[in-house]
Structure formats: structure tokens, C-alpha cells
N, C-alpha and C. Protein backbone atom coordinates (compact mmCIF):
# COMPACT_ATOMS: atom_id res chain seq x y z
N MET A 1 103.25 103.88 106.14
CA MET A 1 101.97 103.75 105.49
C MET A 1 102.16 102.81 104.31
N LEU A 2 101.31 101.85 104.20
CA LEU A 2 101.39 100.90 103.10
C LEU A 2 100.28 101.21 102.11
N GLY A 3 100.65 101.57 100.89
CA GLY A 3 99.69 101.89 99.85
C GLY A 3 99.10 103.28 100.05
N GLY A 4 98.78 103.97 98.95
CA GLY A 4 98.14 105.29 99.02
C GLY A 4 98.94 106.28 99.84
N GLY A 5 98.27 107.34 100.31
CA GLY A 5 98.84 108.20 101.33
C GLY A 5 99.70 109.37 100.93
N GLY A 6 99.82 109.72 99.65
CA GLY A 6 100.68 110.82 99.25
C GLY A 6 100.32 112.14 99.91
N THR A 7 99.04 112.39 100.15
CA THR A 7 98.59 113.64 100.74
C THR A 7 99.16 113.84 102.13
N PHE A 8 99.27 112.78 102.90
CA PHE A 8 99.74 112.90 104.27
C PHE A 8 101.18 113.37 104.36
N VAL A 9 102.00 113.01 103.39
CA VAL A 9 103.39 113.44 103.41
C VAL A 9 103.47 114.95 103.46
N PHE A 10 102.65 115.63 102.66
CA PHE A 10 102.66 117.09 102.63
C PHE A 10 101.96 117.67 103.85
N SER A 11 100.85 117.08 104.28
CA SER A 11 100.07 117.60 105.40
C SER A 11 100.82 117.51 106.72
N LEU A 12 101.67 116.51 106.87
CA LEU A 12 102.38 116.32 108.14
C LEU A 12 103.66 117.13 108.24
N GLN A 13 103.94 117.97 107.24
CA GLN A 13 105.16 118.77 107.29
C GLN A 13 105.17 119.70 108.50
N LYS A 14 103.99 120.06 109.02
CA LYS A 14 103.97 120.93 110.20
C LYS A 14 104.50 120.22 111.44
N TYR A 15 104.67 118.91 111.36
CA TYR A 15 105.25 118.14 112.46
C TYR A 15 106.70 117.75 112.13
N SER A 16 107.33 118.54 111.31
CA SER A 16 108.69 118.28 110.85
C SER A 16 109.61 117.99 112.03
N GLY A 17 110.38 116.91 111.89
CA GLY A 17 111.31 116.52 112.93
C GLY A 17 110.68 115.65 114.03
N GLN A 18 109.36 115.54 114.03
CA GLN A 18 108.67 114.76 115.06
C GLN A 18 108.01 113.52 114.49
N VAL A 19 107.59 113.61 113.24
CA VAL A 19 106.87 112.51 112.58
C VAL A 19 107.52 112.26 111.23
N LYS A 20 107.75 111.01 110.93
CA LYS A 20 108.29 110.64 109.63
C LYS A 20 107.26 109.74 108.96
N VAL A 21 106.88 110.09 107.74
CA VAL A 21 105.92 109.29 106.98
C VAL A 21 106.68 108.50 105.93
N VAL A 22 106.42 107.22 105.91
CA VAL A 22 107.06 106.34 104.93
C VAL A 22 105.97 105.65 104.16
N LYS A 23 106.01 105.79 102.85
CA LYS A 23 105.06 105.09 101.99
C LYS A 23 105.80 103.91 101.38
N ILE A 24 105.20 102.75 101.52
CA ILE A 24 105.84 101.54 101.02
C ILE A 24 105.05 101.00 99.85
N GLU A 25 105.73 100.77 98.75
CA GLU A 25 105.10 100.18 97.57
C GLU A 25 104.90 98.69 97.83
N THR A 26 103.66 98.29 97.97
CA THR A 26 103.37 96.92 98.36
C THR A 26 103.71 95.89 97.30
N ASP A 27 103.58 96.26 96.03
CA ASP A 27 103.91 95.31 94.96
C ASP A 27 105.38 94.92 94.99
N GLU A 28 106.22 95.88 95.37
CA GLU A 28 107.66 95.63 95.40
C GLU A 28 108.14 95.11 96.75
N ASN A 29 107.26 95.12 97.76
CA ASN A 29 107.66 94.72 99.11
C ASN A 29 106.62 93.81 99.77
N PRO A 30 106.26 92.70 99.12
CA PRO A 30 105.23 91.83 99.69
C PRO A 30 105.63 91.24 101.04
N GLN A 31 106.92 91.13 101.30
CA GLN A 31 107.38 90.58 102.57
C GLN A 31 106.97 91.49 103.73
N LEU A 32 106.90 92.81 103.50
CA LEU A 32 106.47 93.72 104.56
C LEU A 32 104.98 93.57 104.86
N MET A 33 104.19 93.33 103.80
CA MET A 33 102.76 93.10 104.01
C MET A 33 102.55 91.88 104.88
N GLU A 34 103.33 90.86 104.62
CA GLU A 34 103.22 89.63 105.40
C GLU A 34 103.72 89.86 106.83
N MET A 35 104.86 90.52 106.96
CA MET A 35 105.47 90.76 108.27
C MET A 35 104.53 91.55 109.19
N TYR A 36 103.87 92.58 108.62
CA TYR A 36 102.99 93.42 109.43
C TYR A 36 101.52 93.04 109.32
N LYS A 37 101.25 91.90 108.69
CA LYS A 37 99.88 91.38 108.56
C LYS A 37 98.92 92.43 108.01
N VAL A 38 99.29 92.98 106.86
CA VAL A 38 98.47 93.99 106.19
C VAL A 38 97.54 93.28 105.22
N TYR A 39 96.24 93.49 105.41
CA TYR A 39 95.25 92.83 104.56
C TYR A 39 94.47 93.82 103.70
N GLY A 40 94.47 95.08 104.06
CA GLY A 40 93.75 96.09 103.28
C GLY A 40 94.64 97.29 103.03
N LEU A 41 94.37 97.98 101.94
CA LEU A 41 95.15 99.17 101.59
C LEU A 41 94.21 100.36 101.44
N PRO A 42 94.66 101.53 101.81
CA PRO A 42 95.93 101.80 102.49
C PRO A 42 95.86 101.36 103.95
N THR A 43 97.02 101.18 104.54
CA THR A 43 97.13 100.85 105.96
C THR A 43 98.07 101.85 106.61
N LEU A 44 97.64 102.39 107.73
CA LEU A 44 98.45 103.32 108.51
C LEU A 44 98.87 102.60 109.79
N ILE A 45 100.16 102.59 110.07
CA ILE A 45 100.69 101.99 111.29
C ILE A 45 101.69 102.98 111.88
N LEU A 46 101.52 103.33 113.15
CA LEU A 46 102.47 104.21 113.81
C LEU A 46 103.51 103.36 114.54
N PHE A 47 104.75 103.81 114.48
CA PHE A 47 105.85 103.14 115.17
C PHE A 47 106.59 104.15 116.02
N ILE A 48 107.06 103.71 117.17
CA ILE A 48 107.98 104.49 118.00
C ILE A 48 109.16 103.59 118.30
N ASP A 49 110.34 104.09 117.97
CA ASP A 49 111.58 103.32 118.17
C ASP A 49 111.49 101.94 117.54
N GLY A 50 110.88 101.86 116.36
CA GLY A 50 110.81 100.62 115.60
C GLY A 50 109.74 99.64 116.06
N LYS A 51 108.92 100.03 117.03
CA LYS A 51 107.88 99.14 117.53
C LYS A 51 106.51 99.74 117.25
N GLU A 52 105.59 98.89 116.82
CA GLU A 52 104.23 99.35 116.51
C GLU A 52 103.56 99.89 117.77
N VAL A 53 102.94 101.06 117.64
CA VAL A 53 102.20 101.66 118.75
C VAL A 53 100.87 100.94 118.88
N PRO A 54 100.59 100.34 120.03
CA PRO A 54 99.31 99.65 120.21
C PRO A 54 98.13 100.58 119.94
N GLY A 55 97.16 100.08 119.16
CA GLY A 55 95.97 100.87 118.84
C GLY A 55 96.15 101.85 117.70
N SER A 56 97.30 101.83 117.05
CA SER A 56 97.57 102.82 116.00
C SER A 56 97.21 102.35 114.60
N ARG A 57 96.97 101.08 114.43
CA ARG A 57 96.75 100.53 113.09
C ARG A 57 95.38 100.96 112.55
N HIS A 58 95.39 101.42 111.30
CA HIS A 58 94.14 101.80 110.63
C HIS A 58 94.21 101.34 109.18
N GLU A 59 93.23 100.56 108.76
CA GLU A 59 93.16 100.12 107.37
C GLU A 59 92.00 100.82 106.69
N GLY A 60 92.22 101.21 105.44
CA GLY A 60 91.18 101.87 104.65
C GLY A 60 91.38 103.37 104.62
N ALA A 61 90.50 104.02 103.89
CA ALA A 61 90.59 105.48 103.73
C ALA A 61 90.42 106.17 105.08
N ILE A 62 91.16 107.25 105.25
CA ILE A 62 91.09 108.03 106.49
C ILE A 62 91.40 109.48 106.15
N SER A 63 90.66 110.39 106.75
CA SER A 63 90.90 111.81 106.48
C SER A 63 92.13 112.28 107.24
N PHE A 64 92.70 113.39 106.77
CA PHE A 64 93.86 113.94 107.47
C PHE A 64 93.48 114.34 108.89
N ALA A 65 92.28 114.89 109.08
CA ALA A 65 91.84 115.28 110.42
C ALA A 65 91.85 114.09 111.38
N LYS A 66 91.43 112.92 110.90
CA LYS A 66 91.43 111.73 111.75
C LYS A 66 92.85 111.25 112.02
N VAL A 67 93.72 111.35 111.02
CA VAL A 67 95.13 110.98 111.23
C VAL A 67 95.74 111.90 112.28
N GLU A 68 95.48 113.18 112.15
CA GLU A 68 96.03 114.14 113.11
C GLU A 68 95.49 113.88 114.52
N SER A 69 94.21 113.58 114.63
CA SER A 69 93.61 113.26 115.92
C SER A 69 94.25 112.00 116.51
N LEU A 70 94.45 110.99 115.67
CA LEU A 70 95.09 109.75 116.10
C LEU A 70 96.51 110.02 116.60
N LEU A 71 97.26 110.82 115.85
CA LEU A 71 98.62 111.16 116.25
C LEU A 71 98.63 111.85 117.60
N LYS A 72 97.75 112.83 117.77
CA LYS A 72 97.73 113.59 119.01
C LYS A 72 97.30 112.73 120.20
N SER A 73 96.39 111.79 119.98
CA SER A 73 95.95 110.95 121.10
C SER A 73 97.00 109.92 121.48
N LEU A 74 97.73 109.40 120.49
CA LEU A 74 98.73 108.37 120.76
C LEU A 74 100.10 108.93 121.08
N LEU A 75 100.34 110.15 120.62
CA LEU A 75 101.65 110.79 120.83
C LEU A 75 101.42 112.16 121.48
N PRO A 76 101.08 112.19 122.75
CA PRO A 76 100.69 113.45 123.39
C PRO A 76 101.76 114.54 123.41
N THR A 77 102.99 114.19 123.18
CA THR A 77 104.05 115.22 123.19
C THR A 77 104.20 115.89 121.83
N LEU A 78 103.41 115.48 120.86
CA LEU A 78 103.49 116.03 119.51
C LEU A 78 103.02 117.48 119.49
N VAL A 79 103.82 118.34 118.87
CA VAL A 79 103.50 119.76 118.80
C VAL A 79 103.57 120.21 117.36
N SER A 80 102.50 120.87 116.87
CA SER A 80 102.56 121.39 115.50
C SER A 80 103.27 122.72 115.50
N SER A 81 104.01 122.97 114.41
CA SER A 81 104.75 124.23 114.33
C SER A 81 104.05 125.21 113.43
């Protein structure tokens, strides 16, 4: 996740071991914004094995419920504990 997003780190704990949330400070890492073509903040991008999941990119504010729905639709093997 680029910019914002602190709430998701805590909310996704129920997916411990299955989902890793990384918040990147954009001011200190402008090369990542360029590499991933990030134009708006916050930006959510899902990766599997280091590759962006097609259709996973979301820019702008998003509720946790929508993030969870996105995760479940794109990662059907995901199980909450």
C-alpha cells in the first residue's frame, strides 16, 4: 500500500500468515511510485509471488469491507481465522 492505510494493518491480522500489508512512505521512495505508476494516494496493489495481481489496483480511499471483498474475490483460497 502506498500512502495512508494504517488501519488495514490491524484489520488484516485475522488473515495472519496469508496476507502481508506493506505501507511505503512515498516521500522517501519516489522510485517506487514511478516503478508502479502510482498517481493517487493512497494506492492499494495486491501482489502474489512478487507480481501484481491483475485487477487488484485501487487508488483513493477505500473501506476495509471493500478491501476484504477485493481480497476474497482475487484470492479465493484466503481464509479468515
